[in-house]
Amino acid sequence: MISSVPLTNTERDWLETINFHYFLGYARNLRQLRREGVVDVDPTIGTLRSLIADEEELAAFLTPWLRRAEWYLRTLTVKHFCSAPGHGEGYLDTSRWTSLRQGDRPQLQTKILDGIQRHGEPYVAKHLTEAASRMGLKSRPRFCPGSNEELWLELTKNLPLWAVVDSFSIGTLGKFIQMCGVAEGKESGVSLAVPVWKEISKELGISAKHFSVTVDAFGVLRNTVFHHQRLWLRPMAKSPGMPKDLQRRYREGEFKNQNKQAQFVVLVVLSRLLPGDLRAIYLQELEEFLEQRPLLKLGIMTSPFA
């Protein structure tokens, strides 16, 4: 798998600092590329170390863009939820949520309450403490799933979404966007709930068909990068598909069929979650970054082995 070239002291020290299974993910895939005649590089520790360093640089390149997209997604969630009369309250009212599967509404409500409890922002902490005092409690109780949800729903009743949206994990945020609705008007005396995700997808220019999987794929990409996992020839849990304009831009990559599971698909679709004036800049910089690192580029633009 790896050429039996004597290790330098630097390489030996480096190997002692890296998780063995993480290292093998690169070594196995490089071996497979060589077996299939795709590349002709020496499978040395030096080659693998350089490849892993390139991916570390990719993570550093992606981080500010992922942060910008996440900020924007949170901002749009607040914008479209708070477009209804009020100040952004009522986001924990599950009667205004859709359901994707049995039991998901109480599960999501629990995750949101737990996130609010852990948030620690002064405005939120002060609100919860004062609400507890008004209820005659000596101190703010700890949230205990399965035992005091109703008490915590009362504590958070007037806490606006804009104050707590940053407490949502990226997975919780994605589910909230897909499930929550905003009361807007009435028909025969019944309030209508307009899904927040429809308004966000419209503003971002993402088709309704692909919005949900795009948000999910973004969450997976974000967590993969932030948790320092390998992207190079990594199987994609959820592929968002590539919009037609991006297919035309990258038509030589065969991302509609042969390479539809390549990580490059979600990397370019990330541009759709950025503010409009940043999208072209991001794509240009991504292309230039990968062009300077051919072996890394190969594993990013190619579907993983079955």
C-alpha atoms as a PDB file:
ATOM      1  CA  MET A   1       0.000   0.000   0.000  1.00  0.00           C
ATOM      2  CA  ILE A   2       2.872   2.352   0.892  1.00  0.00           C
ATOM      3  CA  SER A   3       6.350   2.296  -0.655  1.00  0.00           C
ATOM      4  CA  SER A   4       9.025   0.953   1.696  1.00  0.00           C
ATOM      5  CA  VAL A   5      11.109   4.103   1.553  1.00  0.00           C
ATOM      6  CA  PRO A   6      12.994   4.827   4.794  1.00  0.00           C
ATOM      7  CA  LEU A   7      11.192   7.413   6.876  1.00  0.00           C
ATOM      8  CA  THR A   8      12.764  10.699   7.795  1.00  0.00           C
ATOM      9  CA  ASN A   9      12.646  11.775  11.414  1.00  0.00           C
ATOM     10  CA  THR A  10      10.127  14.454  10.471  1.00  0.00           C
ATOM     11  CA  GLU A  11       7.834  11.897   8.792  1.00  0.00           C
ATOM     12  CA  ARG A  12       8.138   9.532  11.769  1.00  0.00           C
ATOM     13  CA  ASP A  13       7.229  12.327  14.178  1.00  0.00           C
ATOM     14  CA  TRP A  14       4.294  13.329  11.955  1.00  0.00           C
ATOM     15  CA  LEU A  15       2.902   9.773  11.878  1.00  0.00           C
ATOM     16  CA  GLU A  16       2.849   9.725  15.667  1.00  0.00           C
ATOM     17  CA  THR A  17       0.493  12.732  15.676  1.00  0.00           C
ATOM     18  CA  ILE A  18      -2.157  11.493  13.235  1.00  0.00           C
ATOM     19  CA  ASN A  19      -4.983   9.025  13.753  1.00  0.00           C
ATOM     20  CA  PHE A  20      -4.109   5.755  12.008  1.00  0.00           C
ATOM     21  CA  HIS A  21      -7.577   5.122  10.561  1.00  0.00           C
ATOM     22  CA  TYR A  22      -7.753   8.680   9.227  1.00  0.00           C
ATOM     23  CA  PHE A  23      -4.389   8.152   7.521  1.00  0.00           C
ATOM     24  CA  LEU A  24      -5.537   4.840   6.013  1.00  0.00           C
ATOM     25  CA  GLY A  25      -8.487   6.576   4.343  1.00  0.00           C
ATOM     26  CA  TYR A  26      -6.023   8.397   2.102  1.00  0.00           C
ATOM     27  CA  ALA A  27      -3.649   5.441   1.697  1.00  0.00           C
ATOM     28  CA  ARG A  28      -6.373   3.008   0.569  1.00  0.00           C
ATOM     29  CA  ASN A  29      -7.866   5.415  -1.926  1.00  0.00           C
ATOM     30  CA  LEU A  30      -4.480   6.317  -3.371  1.00  0.00           C
ATOM     31  CA  ARG A  31      -3.711   2.618  -3.775  1.00  0.00           C
ATOM     32  CA  GLN A  32      -7.006   2.120  -5.629  1.00  0.00           C
ATOM     33  CA  LEU A  33      -6.290   5.048  -7.942  1.00  0.00           C
ATOM     34  CA  ARG A  34      -2.900   3.524  -8.781  1.00  0.00           C
ATOM     35  CA  ARG A  35      -4.419   0.066  -9.386  1.00  0.00           C
ATOM     36  CA  GLU A  36      -6.892   1.528 -11.854  1.00  0.00           C
ATOM     37  CA  GLY A  37      -4.185   3.501 -13.619  1.00  0.00           C
ATOM     38  CA  VAL A  38      -5.729   6.851 -12.783  1.00  0.00           C
ATOM     39  CA  VAL A  39      -2.558   8.251 -11.217  1.00  0.00           C
ATOM     40  CA  ASP A  40       1.124   7.406 -11.373  1.00  0.00           C
ATOM     41  CA  VAL A  41       2.604   8.776  -8.167  1.00  0.00           C
ATOM     42  CA  ASP A  42       4.820   7.072  -5.632  1.00  0.00           C
ATOM     43  CA  PRO A  43       2.679   5.981  -2.660  1.00  0.00           C
ATOM     44  CA  THR A  44       5.165   7.250  -0.107  1.00  0.00           C
ATOM     45  CA  ILE A  45       4.580   8.746   3.309  1.00  0.00           C
ATOM     46  CA  GLY A  46       5.744  12.023   1.798  1.00  0.00           C
ATOM     47  CA  THR A  47       3.055  11.872  -0.924  1.00  0.00           C
ATOM     48  CA  LEU A  48       0.311  11.103   1.583  1.00  0.00           C
ATOM     49  CA  ARG A  49       1.531  13.738   4.004  1.00  0.00           C
ATOM     50  CA  SER A  50       1.456  16.335   1.233  1.00  0.00           C
ATOM     51  CA  LEU A  51      -2.071  15.273   0.213  1.00  0.00           C
ATOM     52  CA  ILE A  52      -3.344  15.510   3.789  1.00  0.00           C
ATOM     53  CA  ALA A  53      -1.694  18.936   4.128  1.00  0.00           C
ATOM     54  CA  ASP A  54      -3.509  20.036   0.965  1.00  0.00           C
ATOM     55  CA  GLU A  55      -6.814  18.973   2.483  1.00  0.00           C
ATOM     56  CA  GLU A  56      -5.980  20.859   5.672  1.00  0.00           C
ATOM     57  CA  GLU A  57      -5.556  23.930   3.463  1.00  0.00           C
ATOM     58  CA  LEU A  58      -8.874  23.162   1.776  1.00  0.00           C
ATOM     59  CA  ALA A  59     -10.583  23.123   5.179  1.00  0.00           C
ATOM     60  CA  ALA A  60      -8.973  26.461   6.023  1.00  0.00           C
ATOM     61  CA  PHE A  61     -10.151  27.863   2.675  1.00  0.00           C
ATOM     62  CA  LEU A  62     -13.715  26.593   3.147  1.00  0.00           C
ATOM     63  CA  THR A  63     -14.194  27.641   6.781  1.00  0.00           C
ATOM     64  CA  PRO A  64     -14.957  31.359   6.249  1.00  0.00           C
ATOM     65  CA  TRP A  65     -17.298  30.515   3.366  1.00  0.00           C
ATOM     66  CA  LEU A  66     -19.123  27.905   5.448  1.00  0.00           C
ATOM     67  CA  ARG A  67     -19.436  30.403   8.287  1.00  0.00           C
ATOM     68  CA  ARG A  68     -20.784  33.051   5.896  1.00  0.00           C
ATOM     69  CA  ALA A  69     -23.357  30.638   4.452  1.00  0.00           C
ATOM     70  CA  GLU A  70     -24.440  29.532   7.917  1.00  0.00           C
ATOM     71  CA  TRP A  71     -24.824  33.119   9.113  1.00  0.00           C
ATOM     72  CA  TYR A  72     -26.904  33.921   6.047  1.00  0.00           C
ATOM     73  CA  LEU A  73     -29.123  30.874   6.512  1.00  0.00           C
ATOM     74  CA  ARG A  74     -29.769  31.823  10.131  1.00  0.00           C
ATOM     75  CA  THR A  75     -30.448  35.429   9.107  1.00  0.00           C
ATOM     76  CA  LEU A  76     -32.966  34.382   6.449  1.00  0.00           C
ATOM     77  CA  THR A  77     -34.679  32.066   8.939  1.00  0.00           C
ATOM     78  CA  VAL A  78     -35.225  34.969  11.326  1.00  0.00           C
ATOM     79  CA  LYS A  79     -36.204  37.331   8.506  1.00  0.00           C
ATOM     80  CA  HIS A  80     -38.940  35.123   7.107  1.00  0.00           C
ATOM     81  CA  PHE A  81     -40.224  33.770  10.412  1.00  0.00           C
ATOM     82  CA  CYS A  82     -40.417  37.258  11.902  1.00  0.00           C
ATOM     83  CA  SER A  83     -42.224  38.613   8.836  1.00  0.00           C
ATOM     84  CA  ALA A  84     -45.484  37.674  10.562  1.00  0.00           C
ATOM     85  CA  PRO A  85     -47.031  40.081  13.103  1.00  0.00           C
ATOM     86  CA  GLY A  86     -45.260  39.962  16.454  1.00  0.00           C
ATOM     87  CA  HIS A  87     -41.615  39.959  17.395  1.00  0.00           C
ATOM     88  CA  GLY A  88     -40.540  36.455  16.469  1.00  0.00           C
ATOM     89  CA  GLU A  89     -42.256  34.501  19.242  1.00  0.00           C
ATOM     90  CA  GLY A  90     -44.229  31.306  18.723  1.00  0.00           C
ATOM     91  CA  TYR A  91     -41.428  29.336  17.083  1.00  0.00           C
ATOM     92  CA  LEU A  92     -41.906  26.552  19.669  1.00  0.00           C
ATOM     93  CA  ASP A  93     -45.606  26.164  18.847  1.00  0.00           C
ATOM     94  CA  THR A  94     -45.610  22.740  17.207  1.00  0.00           C
ATOM     95  CA  SER A  95     -49.166  23.194  15.958  1.00  0.00           C
ATOM     96  CA  ARG A  96     -47.653  25.506  13.340  1.00  0.00           C
ATOM     97  CA  TRP A  97     -45.109  22.908  12.237  1.00  0.00           C
ATOM     98  CA  THR A  98     -45.399  20.285   9.581  1.00  0.00           C
ATOM     99  CA  SER A  99     -44.321  16.741  10.369  1.00  0.00           C
ATOM    100  CA  LEU A 100     -41.791  14.805   8.303  1.00  0.00           C
ATOM    101  CA  ARG A 101     -42.125  11.591  10.297  1.00  0.00           C
ATOM    102  CA  GLN A 102     -43.893  10.327  13.417  1.00  0.00           C
ATOM    103  CA  GLY A 103     -42.627  11.902  16.624  1.00  0.00           C
ATOM    104  CA  ASP A 104     -40.347  14.445  14.985  1.00  0.00           C
ATOM    105  CA  ARG A 105     -42.126  17.546  16.301  1.00  0.00           C
ATOM    106  CA  PRO A 106     -41.630  16.840  20.032  1.00  0.00           C
ATOM    107  CA  GLN A 107     -38.063  15.703  19.311  1.00  0.00           C
ATOM    108  CA  LEU A 108     -37.244  18.965  17.554  1.00  0.00           C
ATOM    109  CA  GLN A 109     -38.930  21.013  20.270  1.00  0.00           C
ATOM    110  CA  THR A 110     -36.795  19.237  22.886  1.00  0.00           C
ATOM    111  CA  LYS A 111     -33.579  19.918  20.936  1.00  0.00           C
ATOM    112  CA  ILE A 112     -34.446  23.614  20.616  1.00  0.00           C
ATOM    113  CA  LEU A 113     -35.197  23.959  24.332  1.00  0.00           C
ATOM    114  CA  ASP A 114     -31.986  22.163  25.235  1.00  0.00           C
ATOM    115  CA  GLY A 115     -30.024  24.473  22.919  1.00  0.00           C
ATOM    116  CA  ILE A 116     -31.600  27.555  24.507  1.00  0.00           C
ATOM    117  CA  GLN A 117     -30.701  26.279  27.976  1.00  0.00           C
ATOM    118  CA  ARG A 118     -27.050  25.860  26.921  1.00  0.00           C
ATOM    119  CA  HIS A 119     -26.854  29.119  24.963  1.00  0.00           C
ATOM    120  CA  GLY A 120     -25.345  31.307  27.662  1.00  0.00           C
ATOM    121  CA  GLU A 121     -25.888  34.639  25.909  1.00  0.00           C
ATOM    122  CA  PRO A 122     -26.531  37.367  28.545  1.00  0.00           C
ATOM    123  CA  TYR A 123     -29.796  38.567  26.967  1.00  0.00           C
ATOM    124  CA  VAL A 124     -31.208  35.027  26.930  1.00  0.00           C
ATOM    125  CA  ALA A 125     -29.954  34.159  30.416  1.00  0.00           C
ATOM    126  CA  LYS A 126     -31.431  37.381  31.841  1.00  0.00           C
ATOM    127  CA  HIS A 127     -34.786  36.737  30.155  1.00  0.00           C
ATOM    128  CA  LEU A 128     -34.982  33.168  31.517  1.00  0.00           C
ATOM    129  CA  THR A 129     -33.977  34.234  35.037  1.00  0.00           C
ATOM    130  CA  GLU A 130     -36.573  37.031  35.111  1.00  0.00           C
ATOM    131  CA  ALA A 131     -39.257  34.726  33.699  1.00  0.00           C
ATOM    132  CA  ALA A 132     -38.482  32.157  36.412  1.00  0.00           C
ATOM    133  CA  SER A 133     -38.739  34.887  39.074  1.00  0.00           C
ATOM    134  CA  ARG A 134     -42.133  36.022  37.763  1.00  0.00           C
ATOM    135  CA  MET A 135     -43.321  32.429  38.065  1.00  0.00           C
ATOM    136  CA  GLY A 136     -42.318  32.391  41.735  1.00  0.00           C
ATOM    137  CA  LEU A 137     -39.255  30.195  41.255  1.00  0.00           C
ATOM    138  CA  LYS A 138     -36.157  30.857  43.357  1.00  0.00           C
ATOM    139  CA  SER A 139     -33.849  30.156  40.425  1.00  0.00           C
ATOM    140  CA  ARG A 140     -33.977  29.118  36.819  1.00  0.00           C
ATOM    141  CA  PRO A 141     -34.567  25.345  36.681  1.00  0.00           C
ATOM    142  CA  ARG A 142     -32.436  23.069  34.546  1.00  0.00           C
ATOM    143  CA  PHE A 143     -34.187  21.730  31.454  1.00  0.00           C
ATOM    144  CA  CYS A 144     -34.911  18.023  31.897  1.00  0.00           C
ATOM    145  CA  PRO A 145     -36.348  16.371  28.755  1.00  0.00           C
ATOM    146  CA  GLY A 146     -39.411  14.289  29.584  1.00  0.00           C
ATOM    147  CA  SER A 147     -40.204  16.052  32.855  1.00  0.00           C
ATOM    148  CA  ASN A 148     -40.400  19.849  32.622  1.00  0.00           C
ATOM    149  CA  GLU A 149     -41.019  20.758  28.974  1.00  0.00           C
ATOM    150  CA  GLU A 150     -44.191  22.695  29.821  1.00  0.00           C
ATOM    151  CA  LEU A 151     -42.344  24.773  32.410  1.00  0.00           C
ATOM    152  CA  TRP A 152     -39.612  25.613  29.898  1.00  0.00           C
ATOM    153  CA  LEU A 153     -42.134  26.439  27.198  1.00  0.00           C
ATOM    154  CA  GLU A 154     -43.568  29.003  29.618  1.00  0.00           C
ATOM    155  CA  LEU A 155     -40.074  30.363  30.423  1.00  0.00           C
ATOM    156  CA  THR A 156     -39.243  30.826  26.742  1.00  0.00           C
ATOM    157  CA  LYS A 157     -42.707  31.946  25.599  1.00  0.00           C
ATOM    158  CA  ASN A 158     -41.742  35.583  24.974  1.00  0.00           C
ATOM    159  CA  LEU A 159     -38.140  34.961  23.963  1.00  0.00           C
ATOM    160  CA  PRO A 160     -37.806  36.018  20.304  1.00  0.00           C
ATOM    161  CA  LEU A 161     -36.317  33.770  17.650  1.00  0.00           C
ATOM    162  CA  TRP A 162     -33.623  36.301  16.759  1.00  0.00           C
ATOM    163  CA  ALA A 163     -32.207  35.944  20.286  1.00  0.00           C
ATOM    164  CA  VAL A 164     -31.907  32.160  20.213  1.00  0.00           C
ATOM    165  CA  VAL A 165     -31.447  31.094  16.590  1.00  0.00           C
ATOM    166  CA  ASP A 166     -27.673  30.884  17.097  1.00  0.00           C
ATOM    167  CA  SER A 167     -28.244  28.279  19.818  1.00  0.00           C
ATOM    168  CA  PHE A 168     -29.609  25.825  17.226  1.00  0.00           C
ATOM    169  CA  SER A 169     -27.148  23.240  15.970  1.00  0.00           C
ATOM    170  CA  ILE A 170     -26.891  23.186  12.186  1.00  0.00           C
ATOM    171  CA  GLY A 171     -28.961  19.977  12.141  1.00  0.00           C
ATOM    172  CA  THR A 172     -31.638  21.517  14.365  1.00  0.00           C
ATOM    173  CA  LEU A 173     -31.673  24.668  12.244  1.00  0.00           C
ATOM    174  CA  GLY A 174     -32.189  22.615   9.076  1.00  0.00           C
ATOM    175  CA  LYS A 175     -35.097  20.693  10.589  1.00  0.00           C
ATOM    176  CA  PHE A 176     -36.658  23.868  11.984  1.00  0.00           C
ATOM    177  CA  ILE A 177     -36.495  25.547   8.567  1.00  0.00           C
ATOM    178  CA  GLN A 178     -38.155  22.563   6.916  1.00  0.00           C
ATOM    179  CA  MET A 179     -40.865  22.092   9.528  1.00  0.00           C
ATOM    180  CA  CYS A 180     -41.899  25.483  10.880  1.00  0.00           C
ATOM    181  CA  GLY A 181     -44.539  27.737   9.416  1.00  0.00           C
ATOM    182  CA  VAL A 182     -45.502  31.380   9.794  1.00  0.00           C
ATOM    183  CA  ALA A 183     -49.097  32.388  10.436  1.00  0.00           C
ATOM    184  CA  GLU A 184     -50.129  34.628   7.567  1.00  0.00           C
ATOM    185  CA  GLY A 185     -53.771  35.488   7.063  1.00  0.00           C
ATOM    186  CA  LYS A 186     -56.889  33.406   7.591  1.00  0.00           C
ATOM    187  CA  GLU A 187     -59.272  31.402   5.486  1.00  0.00           C
ATOM    188  CA  SER A 188     -62.696  30.529   6.925  1.00  0.00           C
ATOM    189  CA  GLY A 189     -61.404  31.599  10.333  1.00  0.00           C
ATOM    190  CA  VAL A 190     -58.409  29.240  10.176  1.00  0.00           C
ATOM    191  CA  SER A 191     -54.865  30.623  10.270  1.00  0.00           C
ATOM    192  CA  LEU A 192     -52.723  29.618   7.321  1.00  0.00           C
ATOM    193  CA  ALA A 193     -49.143  28.508   7.962  1.00  0.00           C
ATOM    194  CA  VAL A 194     -46.773  29.480   5.171  1.00  0.00           C
ATOM    195  CA  PRO A 195     -43.662  27.253   5.310  1.00  0.00           C
ATOM    196  CA  VAL A 196     -40.566  29.293   6.098  1.00  0.00           C
ATOM    197  CA  TRP A 197     -38.480  27.071   3.816  1.00  0.00           C
ATOM    198  CA  LYS A 198     -40.466  28.168   0.765  1.00  0.00           C
ATOM    199  CA  GLU A 199     -39.666  31.808   1.393  1.00  0.00           C
ATOM    200  CA  ILE A 200     -35.985  31.062   2.029  1.00  0.00           C
ATOM    201  CA  SER A 201     -35.639  28.854  -1.044  1.00  0.00           C
ATOM    202  CA  LYS A 202     -37.256  31.565  -3.159  1.00  0.00           C
ATOM    203  CA  GLU A 203     -34.821  34.216  -1.904  1.00  0.00           C
ATOM    204  CA  LEU A 204     -31.823  31.929  -2.426  1.00  0.00           C
ATOM    205  CA  GLY A 205     -32.984  30.845  -5.876  1.00  0.00           C
ATOM    206  CA  ILE A 206     -33.000  27.144  -4.971  1.00  0.00           C
ATOM    207  CA  SER A 207     -35.805  25.046  -6.413  1.00  0.00           C
ATOM    208  CA  ALA A 208     -38.353  23.660  -3.979  1.00  0.00           C
ATOM    209  CA  LYS A 209     -37.429  20.166  -5.159  1.00  0.00           C
ATOM    210  CA  HIS A 210     -33.786  20.547  -4.121  1.00  0.00           C
ATOM    211  CA  PHE A 211     -33.997  22.894  -1.130  1.00  0.00           C
ATOM    212  CA  SER A 212     -34.328  20.320   1.640  1.00  0.00           C
ATOM    213  CA  VAL A 213     -31.468  18.115   0.441  1.00  0.00           C
ATOM    214  CA  THR A 214     -29.323  21.203  -0.211  1.00  0.00           C
ATOM    215  CA  VAL A 215     -29.683  22.331   3.409  1.00  0.00           C
ATOM    216  CA  ASP A 216     -29.040  18.789   4.658  1.00  0.00           C
ATOM    217  CA  ALA A 217     -25.966  18.389   2.435  1.00  0.00           C
ATOM    218  CA  PHE A 218     -24.654  21.748   3.633  1.00  0.00           C
ATOM    219  CA  GLY A 219     -24.977  20.577   7.236  1.00  0.00           C
ATOM    220  CA  VAL A 220     -23.045  17.394   6.487  1.00  0.00           C
ATOM    221  CA  LEU A 221     -20.315  19.337   4.655  1.00  0.00           C
ATOM    222  CA  ARG A 222     -20.062  21.908   7.442  1.00  0.00           C
ATOM    223  CA  ASN A 223     -19.736  19.238  10.131  1.00  0.00           C
ATOM    224  CA  THR A 224     -17.267  17.191   8.081  1.00  0.00           C
ATOM    225  CA  VAL A 225     -14.980  20.198   7.685  1.00  0.00           C
ATOM    226  CA  PHE A 226     -15.393  21.540  11.222  1.00  0.00           C
ATOM    227  CA  HIS A 227     -14.791  18.080  12.726  1.00  0.00           C
ATOM    228  CA  HIS A 228     -11.624  17.627  10.651  1.00  0.00           C
ATOM    229  CA  GLN A 229     -12.776  14.630   8.641  1.00  0.00           C
ATOM    230  CA  ARG A 230     -11.611  13.612   5.165  1.00  0.00           C
ATOM    231  CA  LEU A 231     -13.391  14.966   2.060  1.00  0.00           C
ATOM    232  CA  TRP A 232     -11.000  13.395  -0.473  1.00  0.00           C
ATOM    233  CA  LEU A 233     -12.875  10.538  -2.198  1.00  0.00           C
ATOM    234  CA  ARG A 234     -15.319  10.439   0.709  1.00  0.00           C
ATOM    235  CA  PRO A 235     -18.785   8.934   0.087  1.00  0.00           C
ATOM    236  CA  MET A 236     -21.452  11.646   0.147  1.00  0.00           C
ATOM    237  CA  ALA A 237     -24.327  10.923   2.514  1.00  0.00           C
ATOM    238  CA  LYS A 238     -26.685  13.288   0.679  1.00  0.00           C
ATOM    239  CA  SER A 239     -26.043  14.741  -2.754  1.00  0.00           C
ATOM    240  CA  PRO A 240     -27.948  17.952  -3.482  1.00  0.00           C
ATOM    241  CA  GLY A 241     -27.529  17.549  -7.242  1.00  0.00           C
ATOM    242  CA  MET A 242     -26.057  20.295  -9.363  1.00  0.00           C
ATOM    243  CA  PRO A 243     -28.308  23.053 -10.756  1.00  0.00           C
ATOM    244  CA  LYS A 244     -28.390  23.392 -14.545  1.00  0.00           C
ATOM    245  CA  ASP A 245     -26.322  26.577 -14.669  1.00  0.00           C
ATOM    246  CA  LEU A 246     -23.574  24.907 -12.630  1.00  0.00           C
ATOM    247  CA  GLN A 247     -23.833  21.775 -14.778  1.00  0.00           C
ATOM    248  CA  ARG A 248     -23.128  23.937 -17.805  1.00  0.00           C
ATOM    249  CA  ARG A 249     -20.209  25.618 -16.074  1.00  0.00           C
ATOM    250  CA  TYR A 250     -18.661  22.258 -15.147  1.00  0.00           C
ATOM    251  CA  ARG A 251     -19.978  20.103 -17.980  1.00  0.00           C
ATOM    252  CA  GLU A 252     -16.638  18.332 -18.483  1.00  0.00           C
ATOM    253  CA  GLY A 253     -16.796  16.925 -14.962  1.00  0.00           C
ATOM    254  CA  GLU A 254     -19.821  14.669 -15.717  1.00  0.00           C
ATOM    255  CA  PHE A 255     -21.422  15.605 -12.410  1.00  0.00           C
ATOM    256  CA  LYS A 256     -24.899  14.676 -13.567  1.00  0.00           C
ATOM    257  CA  ASN A 257     -24.061  11.001 -13.957  1.00  0.00           C
ATOM    258  CA  GLN A 258     -20.590   9.528 -13.500  1.00  0.00           C
ATOM    259  CA  ASN A 259     -19.413  11.887 -10.767  1.00  0.00           C
ATOM    260  CA  LYS A 260     -22.732  12.853  -9.180  1.00  0.00           C
ATOM    261  CA  GLN A 261     -21.460  11.642  -5.790  1.00  0.00           C
ATOM    262  CA  ALA A 262     -18.248  13.689  -5.945  1.00  0.00           C
ATOM    263  CA  GLN A 263     -17.695  16.110  -3.078  1.00  0.00           C
ATOM    264  CA  PHE A 264     -17.234  18.850  -5.670  1.00  0.00           C
ATOM    265  CA  VAL A 265     -21.008  18.840  -6.181  1.00  0.00           C
ATOM    266  CA  VAL A 266     -21.767  20.007  -2.651  1.00  0.00           C
ATOM    267  CA  LEU A 267     -18.773  22.377  -2.686  1.00  0.00           C
ATOM    268  CA  VAL A 268     -20.150  24.305  -5.656  1.00  0.00           C
ATOM    269  CA  VAL A 269     -23.761  24.115  -4.456  1.00  0.00           C
ATOM    270  CA  LEU A 270     -22.515  25.845  -1.302  1.00  0.00           C
ATOM    271  CA  SER A 271     -22.423  28.977  -3.466  1.00  0.00           C
ATOM    272  CA  ARG A 272     -26.246  28.915  -3.513  1.00  0.00           C
ATOM    273  CA  LEU A 273     -26.334  29.535   0.235  1.00  0.00           C
ATOM    274  CA  LEU A 274     -24.139  32.628   0.011  1.00  0.00           C
ATOM    275  CA  PRO A 275     -25.359  36.190  -0.564  1.00  0.00           C
ATOM    276  CA  GLY A 276     -25.615  36.868  -4.291  1.00  0.00           C
ATOM    277  CA  ASP A 277     -22.610  39.166  -4.561  1.00  0.00           C
ATOM    278  CA  LEU A 278     -20.294  36.509  -3.091  1.00  0.00           C
ATOM    279  CA  ARG A 279     -21.256  33.507  -5.213  1.00  0.00           C
ATOM    280  CA  ALA A 280     -19.075  34.140  -8.263  1.00  0.00           C
ATOM    281  CA  ILE A 281     -16.136  35.139  -6.056  1.00  0.00           C
ATOM    282  CA  TYR A 282     -16.361  31.887  -4.085  1.00  0.00           C
ATOM    283  CA  LEU A 283     -16.570  29.681  -7.187  1.00  0.00           C
ATOM    284  CA  GLN A 284     -13.617  31.425  -8.824  1.00  0.00           C
ATOM    285  CA  GLU A 285     -11.466  31.063  -5.719  1.00  0.00           C
ATOM    286  CA  LEU A 286     -12.477  27.407  -5.287  1.00  0.00           C
ATOM    287  CA  GLU A 287     -11.499  26.623  -8.876  1.00  0.00           C
ATOM    288  CA  GLU A 288      -8.137  28.362  -8.491  1.00  0.00           C
ATOM    289  CA  PHE A 289      -7.463  26.606  -5.192  1.00  0.00           C
ATOM    290  CA  LEU A 290      -8.080  23.124  -6.597  1.00  0.00           C
ATOM    291  CA  GLU A 291      -6.196  23.823  -9.825  1.00  0.00           C
ATOM    292  CA  GLN A 292      -3.020  24.340  -7.811  1.00  0.00           C
ATOM    293  CA  ARG A 293      -3.401  20.925  -6.104  1.00  0.00           C
ATOM    294  CA  PRO A 294      -3.997  18.295  -8.815  1.00  0.00           C
ATOM    295  CA  LEU A 295      -4.052  15.164  -6.632  1.00  0.00           C
ATOM    296  CA  LEU A 296      -6.452  16.769  -4.156  1.00  0.00           C
ATOM    297  CA  LYS A 297      -8.588  18.054  -7.038  1.00  0.00           C
ATOM    298  CA  LEU A 298      -8.833  14.554  -8.503  1.00  0.00           C
ATOM    299  CA  GLY A 299     -10.301  13.134  -5.296  1.00  0.00           C
ATOM    300  CA  ILE A 300     -12.686  16.047  -4.837  1.00  0.00           C
ATOM    301  CA  MET A 301     -14.050  15.968  -8.385  1.00  0.00           C
ATOM    302  CA  THR A 302     -14.322  12.164  -8.660  1.00  0.00           C
ATOM    303  CA  SER A 303     -16.985   9.921  -7.166  1.00  0.00           C
ATOM    304  CA  PRO A 304     -15.686   7.645  -4.400  1.00  0.00           C
ATOM    305  CA  PHE A 305     -15.064   3.971  -5.054  1.00  0.00           C
ATOM    306  CA  ALA A 306     -18.027   1.680  -4.531  1.00  0.00           C
END
